[in-house]
PDB file of N, CA and C in Angstrom:
ATOM      1  N   UNK A   1      17.264  26.885 -56.995  1.00  0.00           N
ATOM      2  CA  UNK A   1      17.150  25.508 -56.510  1.00  0.00           C
ATOM      3  C   UNK A   1      18.431  25.082 -55.762  1.00  0.00           C
ATOM      4  N   UNK A   2      19.568  25.499 -56.338  1.00  0.00           N
ATOM      5  CA  UNK A   2      20.858  25.131 -55.718  1.00  0.00           C
ATOM      6  C   UNK A   2      21.031  25.804 -54.371  1.00  0.00           C
ATOM      7  N   UNK A   3      20.567  27.043 -54.248  1.00  0.00           N
ATOM      8  CA  UNK A   3      20.683  27.825 -52.989  1.00  0.00           C
ATOM      9  C   UNK A   3      19.837  27.137 -51.909  1.00  0.00           C
ATOM     10  N   UNK A   4      18.665  26.691 -52.257  1.00  0.00           N
ATOM     11  CA  UNK A   4      17.767  25.978 -51.340  1.00  0.00           C
ATOM     12  C   UNK A   4      18.397  24.682 -50.824  1.00  0.00           C
ATOM     13  N   UNK A   5      19.023  23.977 -51.793  1.00  0.00           N
ATOM     14  CA  UNK A   5      19.695  22.739 -51.456  1.00  0.00           C
ATOM     15  C   UNK A   5      20.831  22.945 -50.469  1.00  0.00           C
ATOM     16  N   UNK A   6      21.608  23.992 -50.730  1.00  0.00           N
ATOM     17  CA  UNK A   6      22.788  24.337 -49.819  1.00  0.00           C
ATOM     18  C   UNK A   6      22.303  24.757 -48.442  1.00  0.00           C
ATOM     19  N   UNK A   7      21.187  25.508 -48.418  1.00  0.00           N
ATOM     20  CA  UNK A   7      20.635  25.866 -47.099  1.00  0.00           C
ATOM     21  C   UNK A   7      20.114  24.682 -46.367  1.00  0.00           C
ATOM     22  N   UNK A   8      19.513  23.746 -47.044  1.00  0.00           N
ATOM     23  CA  UNK A   8      19.007  22.502 -46.396  1.00  0.00           C
ATOM     24  C   UNK A   8      20.191  21.646 -45.836  1.00  0.00           C
ATOM     25  N   UNK A   9      21.254  21.577 -46.635  1.00  0.00           N
ATOM     26  CA  UNK A   9      22.419  20.817 -46.185  1.00  0.00           C
ATOM     27  C   UNK A   9      23.050  21.477 -44.959  1.00  0.00           C
ATOM     28  N   UNK A  10      23.116  22.738 -44.980  1.00  0.00           N
ATOM     29  CA  UNK A  10      23.676  23.492 -43.814  1.00  0.00           C
ATOM     30  C   UNK A  10      22.804  23.310 -42.578  1.00  0.00           C
ATOM     31  N   UNK A  11      21.493  23.358 -42.750  1.00  0.00           N
ATOM     32  CA  UNK A  11      20.572  23.150 -41.651  1.00  0.00           C
ATOM     33  C   UNK A  11      20.698  21.751 -41.085  1.00  0.00           C
ATOM     34  N   UNK A  12      20.738  20.758 -41.998  1.00  0.00           N
ATOM     35  CA  UNK A  12      20.889  19.361 -41.533  1.00  0.00           C
ATOM     36  C   UNK A  12      22.190  19.151 -40.853  1.00  0.00           C
ATOM     37  N   UNK A  13      23.258  19.798 -41.330  1.00  0.00           N
ATOM     38  CA  UNK A  13      24.583  19.702 -40.663  1.00  0.00           C
ATOM     39  C   UNK A  13      24.556  20.277 -39.248  1.00  0.00           C
ATOM     40  N   UNK A  14      23.860  21.405 -39.095  1.00  0.00           N
ATOM     41  CA  UNK A  14      23.767  22.044 -37.793  1.00  0.00           C
ATOM     42  C   UNK A  14      22.970  21.146 -36.845  1.00  0.00           C
ATOM     43  N   UNK A  15      21.865  20.648 -37.302  1.00  0.00           N
ATOM     44  CA  UNK A  15      21.026  19.766 -36.501  1.00  0.00           C
ATOM     45  C   UNK A  15      21.796  18.483 -36.134  1.00  0.00           C
ATOM     46  N   UNK A  16      22.531  17.970 -37.078  1.00  0.00           N
ATOM     47  CA  UNK A  16      23.307  16.739 -36.825  1.00  0.00           C
ATOM     48  C   UNK A  16      24.395  16.941 -35.800  1.00  0.00           C
ATOM     49  N   UNK A  17      25.082  18.078 -35.913  1.00  0.00           N
ATOM     50  CA  UNK A  17      26.154  18.382 -34.916  1.00  0.00           C
ATOM     51  C   UNK A  17      25.520  18.606 -33.491  1.00  0.00           C
ATOM     52  N   UNK A  18      24.379  19.274 -33.430  1.00  0.00           N
ATOM     53  CA  UNK A  18      23.728  19.451 -32.135  1.00  0.00           C
ATOM     54  C   UNK A  18      23.315  18.123 -31.536  1.00  0.00           C
ATOM     55  N   UNK A  19      22.802  17.224 -32.380  1.00  0.00           N
ATOM     56  CA  UNK A  19      22.384  15.936 -31.876  1.00  0.00           C
ATOM     57  C   UNK A  19      23.600  15.094 -31.408  1.00  0.00           C
ATOM     58  N   UNK A  20      24.686  15.169 -32.145  1.00  0.00           N
ATOM     59  CA  UNK A  20      25.927  14.427 -31.754  1.00  0.00           C
ATOM     60  C   UNK A  20      26.443  14.992 -30.422  1.00  0.00           C
ATOM     61  N   UNK A  21      26.442  16.316 -30.303  1.00  0.00           N
ATOM     62  CA  UNK A  21      26.922  16.906 -29.059  1.00  0.00           C
ATOM     63  C   UNK A  21      26.096  16.494 -27.862  1.00  0.00           C
ATOM     64  N   UNK A  22      24.770  16.503 -28.065  1.00  0.00           N
ATOM     65  CA  UNK A  22      23.888  16.109 -26.973  1.00  0.00           C
ATOM     66  C   UNK A  22      24.147  14.647 -26.588  1.00  0.00           C
ATOM     67  N   UNK A  23      24.331  13.817 -27.564  1.00  0.00           N
ATOM     68  CA  UNK A  23      24.565  12.390 -27.354  1.00  0.00           C
ATOM     69  C   UNK A  23      25.863  12.149 -26.561  1.00  0.00           C
ATOM     70  N   UNK A  24      26.880  12.855 -26.987  1.00  0.00           N
ATOM     71  CA  UNK A  24      28.227  12.691 -26.336  1.00  0.00           C
ATOM     72  C   UNK A  24      28.143  13.197 -24.899  1.00  0.00           C
ATOM     73  N   UNK A  25      27.531  14.371 -24.701  1.00  0.00           N
ATOM     74  CA  UNK A  25      27.466  14.895 -23.352  1.00  0.00           C
ATOM     75  C   UNK A  25      26.603  14.132 -22.433  1.00  0.00           C
ATOM     76  N   UNK A  26      25.546  13.506 -23.002  1.00  0.00           N
ATOM     77  CA  UNK A  26      24.694  12.659 -22.154  1.00  0.00           C
ATOM     78  C   UNK A  26      25.380  11.379 -21.708  1.00  0.00           C
ATOM     79  N   UNK A  27      26.336  10.919 -22.551  1.00  0.00           N
ATOM     80  CA  UNK A  27      27.069   9.680 -22.226  1.00  0.00           C
ATOM     81  C   UNK A  27      28.104   9.964 -21.172  1.00  0.00           C
ATOM     82  N   UNK A  28      28.596  11.165 -21.106  1.00  0.00           N
ATOM     83  CA  UNK A  28      29.653  11.474 -20.077  1.00  0.00           C
ATOM     84  C   UNK A  28      29.008  11.977 -18.826  1.00  0.00           C
ATOM     85  N   UNK A  29      29.548  11.550 -17.754  1.00  0.00           N
ATOM     86  CA  UNK A  29      29.046  12.032 -16.461  1.00  0.00           C
ATOM     87  C   UNK A  29      29.795  13.260 -16.048  1.00  0.00           C
ATOM     88  N   UNK A  30      29.289  13.979 -15.089  1.00  0.00           N
ATOM     89  CA  UNK A  30      29.920  15.188 -14.573  1.00  0.00           C
ATOM     90  C   UNK A  30      31.313  14.871 -13.987  1.00  0.00           C
ATOM     91  N   UNK A  31      31.461  13.761 -13.368  1.00  0.00           N
ATOM     92  CA  UNK A  31      32.756  13.392 -12.749  1.00  0.00           C
ATOM     93  C   UNK A  31      33.803  13.136 -13.849  1.00  0.00           C
ATOM     94  N   UNK A  32      33.428  12.506 -14.957  1.00  0.00           N
ATOM     95  CA  UNK A  32      34.369  12.247 -16.002  1.00  0.00           C
ATOM     96  C   UNK A  32      34.799  13.586 -16.641  1.00  0.00           C
ATOM     97  N   UNK A  33      33.864  14.525 -16.843  1.00  0.00           N
ATOM     98  CA  UNK A  33      34.219  15.793 -17.396  1.00  0.00           C
ATOM     99  C   UNK A  33      35.116  16.579 -16.466  1.00  0.00           C
ATOM    100  N   UNK A  34      34.863  16.541 -15.160  1.00  0.00           N
ATOM    101  CA  UNK A  34      35.710  17.234 -14.220  1.00  0.00           C
ATOM    102  C   UNK A  34      37.105  16.615 -14.139  1.00  0.00           C
ATOM    103  N   UNK A  35      37.174  15.308 -14.149  1.00  0.00           N
ATOM    104  CA  UNK A  35      38.494  14.629 -14.149  1.00  0.00           C
ATOM    105  C   UNK A  35      39.267  14.948 -15.393  1.00  0.00           C
ATOM    106  N   UNK A  36      38.589  15.004 -16.552  1.00  0.00           N
ATOM    107  CA  UNK A  36      39.252  15.310 -17.831  1.00  0.00           C
ATOM    108  C   UNK A  36      39.778  16.757 -17.772  1.00  0.00           C
ATOM    109  N   UNK A  37      38.952  17.638 -17.236  1.00  0.00           N
ATOM    110  CA  UNK A  37      39.404  19.039 -17.109  1.00  0.00           C
ATOM    111  C   UNK A  37      40.618  19.147 -16.212  1.00  0.00           C
ATOM    112  N   UNK A  38      40.631  18.402 -15.124  1.00  0.00           N
ATOM    113  CA  UNK A  38      41.779  18.415 -14.224  1.00  0.00           C
ATOM    114  C   UNK A  38      43.027  17.874 -14.917  1.00  0.00           C
ATOM    115  N   UNK A  39      42.878  16.807 -15.659  1.00  0.00           N
ATOM    116  CA  UNK A  39      44.022  16.186 -16.356  1.00  0.00           C
ATOM    117  C   UNK A  39      44.581  17.207 -17.389  1.00  0.00           C
ATOM    118  N   UNK A  40      43.743  17.897 -18.065  1.00  0.00           N
ATOM    119  CA  UNK A  40      44.163  18.826 -19.098  1.00  0.00           C
ATOM    120  C   UNK A  40      44.900  20.012 -18.385  1.00  0.00           C
ATOM    121  N   UNK A  41      44.288  20.426 -17.276  1.00  0.00           N
ATOM    122  CA  UNK A  41      44.939  21.570 -16.520  1.00  0.00           C
ATOM    123  C   UNK A  41      46.279  21.150 -16.004  1.00  0.00           C
ATOM    124  N   UNK A  42      46.442  19.936 -15.498  1.00  0.00           N
ATOM    125  CA  UNK A  42      47.729  19.440 -15.009  1.00  0.00           C
ATOM    126  C   UNK A  42      48.733  19.342 -16.175  1.00  0.00           C
ATOM    127  N   UNK A  43      48.301  18.860 -17.286  1.00  0.00           N
ATOM    128  CA  UNK A  43      49.152  18.729 -18.445  1.00  0.00           C
ATOM    129  C   UNK A  43      49.656  20.114 -18.888  1.00  0.00           C
ATOM    130  N   UNK A  44      48.759  21.073 -18.896  1.00  0.00           N
ATOM    131  CA  UNK A  44      49.186  22.444 -19.326  1.00  0.00           C
ATOM    132  C   UNK A  44      50.081  23.068 -18.264  1.00  0.00           C
ATOM    133  N   UNK A  45      49.833  22.842 -17.017  1.00  0.00           N
ATOM    134  CA  UNK A  45      50.658  23.474 -15.975  1.00  0.00           C
ATOM    135  C   UNK A  45      52.062  22.896 -15.943  1.00  0.00           C
ATOM    136  N   UNK A  46      52.191  21.640 -16.310  1.00  0.00           N
ATOM    137  CA  UNK A  46      53.534  20.997 -16.309  1.00  0.00           C
ATOM    138  C   UNK A  46      54.416  21.611 -17.390  1.00  0.00           C
ATOM    139  N   UNK A  47      53.796  22.240 -18.381  1.00  0.00           N
ATOM    140  CA  UNK A  47      54.587  22.801 -19.513  1.00  0.00           C
ATOM    141  C   UNK A  47      54.932  24.272 -19.384  1.00  0.00           C
ATOM    142  N   UNK A  48      54.638  24.825 -18.222  1.00  0.00           N
ATOM    143  CA  UNK A  48      54.993  26.233 -17.978  1.00  0.00           C
ATOM    144  C   UNK A  48      56.083  26.303 -16.933  1.00  0.00           C
ATOM    145  N   UNK A  49      56.681  27.494 -16.799  1.00  0.00           N
ATOM    146  CA  UNK A  49      57.765  27.634 -15.849  1.00  0.00           C
ATOM    147  C   UNK A  49      57.354  28.371 -14.570  1.00  0.00           C
ATOM    148  N   UNK A  50      56.124  28.941 -14.532  1.00  0.00           N
ATOM    149  CA  UNK A  50      55.723  29.710 -13.334  1.00  0.00           C
ATOM    150  C   UNK A  50      55.051  28.758 -12.344  1.00  0.00           C
ATOM    151  N   UNK A  51      54.863  29.278 -11.182  1.00  0.00           N
ATOM    152  CA  UNK A  51      54.238  28.453 -10.069  1.00  0.00           C
ATOM    153  C   UNK A  51      52.782  28.784  -9.883  1.00  0.00           C
ATOM    154  N   UNK A  52      52.262  29.864 -10.481  1.00  0.00           N
ATOM    155  CA  UNK A  52      50.906  30.303 -10.276  1.00  0.00           C
ATOM    156  C   UNK A  52      49.934  29.192 -10.765  1.00  0.00           C
ATOM    157  N   UNK A  53      50.106  28.745 -11.948  1.00  0.00           N
ATOM    158  CA  UNK A  53      49.222  27.731 -12.523  1.00  0.00           C
ATOM    159  C   UNK A  53      49.360  26.404 -11.794  1.00  0.00           C
ATOM    160  N   UNK A  54      50.552  26.086 -11.279  1.00  0.00           N
ATOM    161  CA  UNK A  54      50.724  24.852 -10.491  1.00  0.00           C
ATOM    162  C   UNK A  54      49.932  24.942  -9.199  1.00  0.00           C
ATOM    163  N   UNK A  55      49.896  26.126  -8.568  1.00  0.00           N
ATOM    164  CA  UNK A  55      49.170  26.296  -7.350  1.00  0.00           C
ATOM    165  C   UNK A  55      47.656  26.214  -7.617  1.00  0.00           C
ATOM    166  N   UNK A  56      47.192  26.832  -8.700  1.00  0.00           N
ATOM    167  CA  UNK A  56      45.793  26.755  -9.072  1.00  0.00           C
ATOM    168  C   UNK A  56      45.337  25.325  -9.344  1.00  0.00           C
ATOM    169  N   UNK A  57      46.115  24.575 -10.024  1.00  0.00           N
ATOM    170  CA  UNK A  57      45.839  23.185 -10.310  1.00  0.00           C
ATOM    171  C   UNK A  57      45.760  22.395  -9.005  1.00  0.00           C
ATOM    172  N   UNK A  58      46.725  22.674  -8.128  1.00  0.00           N
ATOM    173  CA  UNK A  58      46.720  22.008  -6.820  1.00  0.00           C
ATOM    174  C   UNK A  58      45.469  22.300  -6.009  1.00  0.00           C
ATOM    175  N   UNK A  59      45.025  23.537  -6.062  1.00  0.00           N
ATOM    176  CA  UNK A  59      43.761  23.941  -5.367  1.00  0.00           C
ATOM    177  C   UNK A  59      42.595  23.252  -6.009  1.00  0.00           C
ATOM    178  N   UNK A  60      42.607  23.173  -7.337  1.00  0.00           N
ATOM    179  CA  UNK A  60      41.488  22.500  -7.999  1.00  0.00           C
ATOM    180  C   UNK A  60      41.421  21.009  -7.603  1.00  0.00           C
ATOM    181  N   UNK A  61      42.588  20.394  -7.598  1.00  0.00           N
ATOM    182  CA  UNK A  61      42.620  18.944  -7.234  1.00  0.00           C
ATOM    183  C   UNK A  61      42.179  18.751  -5.810  1.00  0.00           C
ATOM    184  N   UNK A  62      42.599  19.623  -4.911  1.00  0.00           N
ATOM    185  CA  UNK A  62      42.181  19.544  -3.501  1.00  0.00           C
ATOM    186  C   UNK A  62      40.673  19.661  -3.352  1.00  0.00           C
ATOM    187  N   UNK A  63      40.091  20.598  -4.050  1.00  0.00           N
ATOM    188  CA  UNK A  63      38.598  20.823  -3.991  1.00  0.00           C
ATOM    189  C   UNK A  63      37.887  19.605  -4.540  1.00  0.00           C
ATOM    190  N   UNK A  64      38.410  19.057  -5.616  1.00  0.00           N
ATOM    191  CA  UNK A  64      37.710  17.865  -6.232  1.00  0.00           C
ATOM    192  C   UNK A  64      37.872  16.689  -5.330  1.00  0.00           C
ATOM    193  N   UNK A  65      38.949  16.606  -4.559  1.00  0.00           N
ATOM    194  CA  UNK A  65      39.105  15.503  -3.585  1.00  0.00           C
ATOM    195  C   UNK A  65      38.063  15.628  -2.497  1.00  0.00           C
ATOM    196  N   UNK A  66      37.911  16.883  -2.023  1.00  0.00           N
ATOM    197  CA  UNK A  66      36.976  17.142  -0.908  1.00  0.00           C
ATOM    198  C   UNK A  66      35.521  16.751  -1.358  1.00  0.00           C
ATOM    199  N   UNK A  67      35.220  16.956  -2.581  1.00  0.00           N
ATOM    200  CA  UNK A  67      33.838  16.653  -3.073  1.00  0.00           C
ATOM    201  C   UNK A  67      33.687  15.257  -3.544  1.00  0.00           C
ATOM    202  N   UNK A  68      34.760  14.519  -3.561  1.00  0.00           N
ATOM    203  CA  UNK A  68      34.709  13.062  -3.924  1.00  0.00           C
ATOM    204  C   UNK A  68      34.785  12.777  -5.415  1.00  0.00           C
ATOM    205  N   UNK A  69      35.166  13.821  -6.170  1.00  0.00           N
ATOM    206  CA  UNK A  69      35.277  13.609  -7.628  1.00  0.00           C
ATOM    207  C   UNK A  69      36.555  12.826  -7.980  1.00  0.00           C
ATOM    208  N   UNK A  70      37.627  13.187  -7.311  1.00  0.00           N
ATOM    209  CA  UNK A  70      38.925  12.508  -7.589  1.00  0.00           C
ATOM    210  C   UNK A  70      39.263  11.567  -6.484  1.00  0.00           C
TER     211      UNK A  70
END
């Protein structure tokens, strides 16, 4: 009986997490997600000493500007 209860709790937890994920993603638009990704990439690039990631982030920002996201 206890094993069945634990399985049911695990199943409900999985379903609950999936529903929460769907809800959050449906509330966010593609532009918000892309802007957030760009902000995170810029934040990470600022904390390194090489130029490669800075160039990649610059290219990413340029492409997002061309498409009207930023």
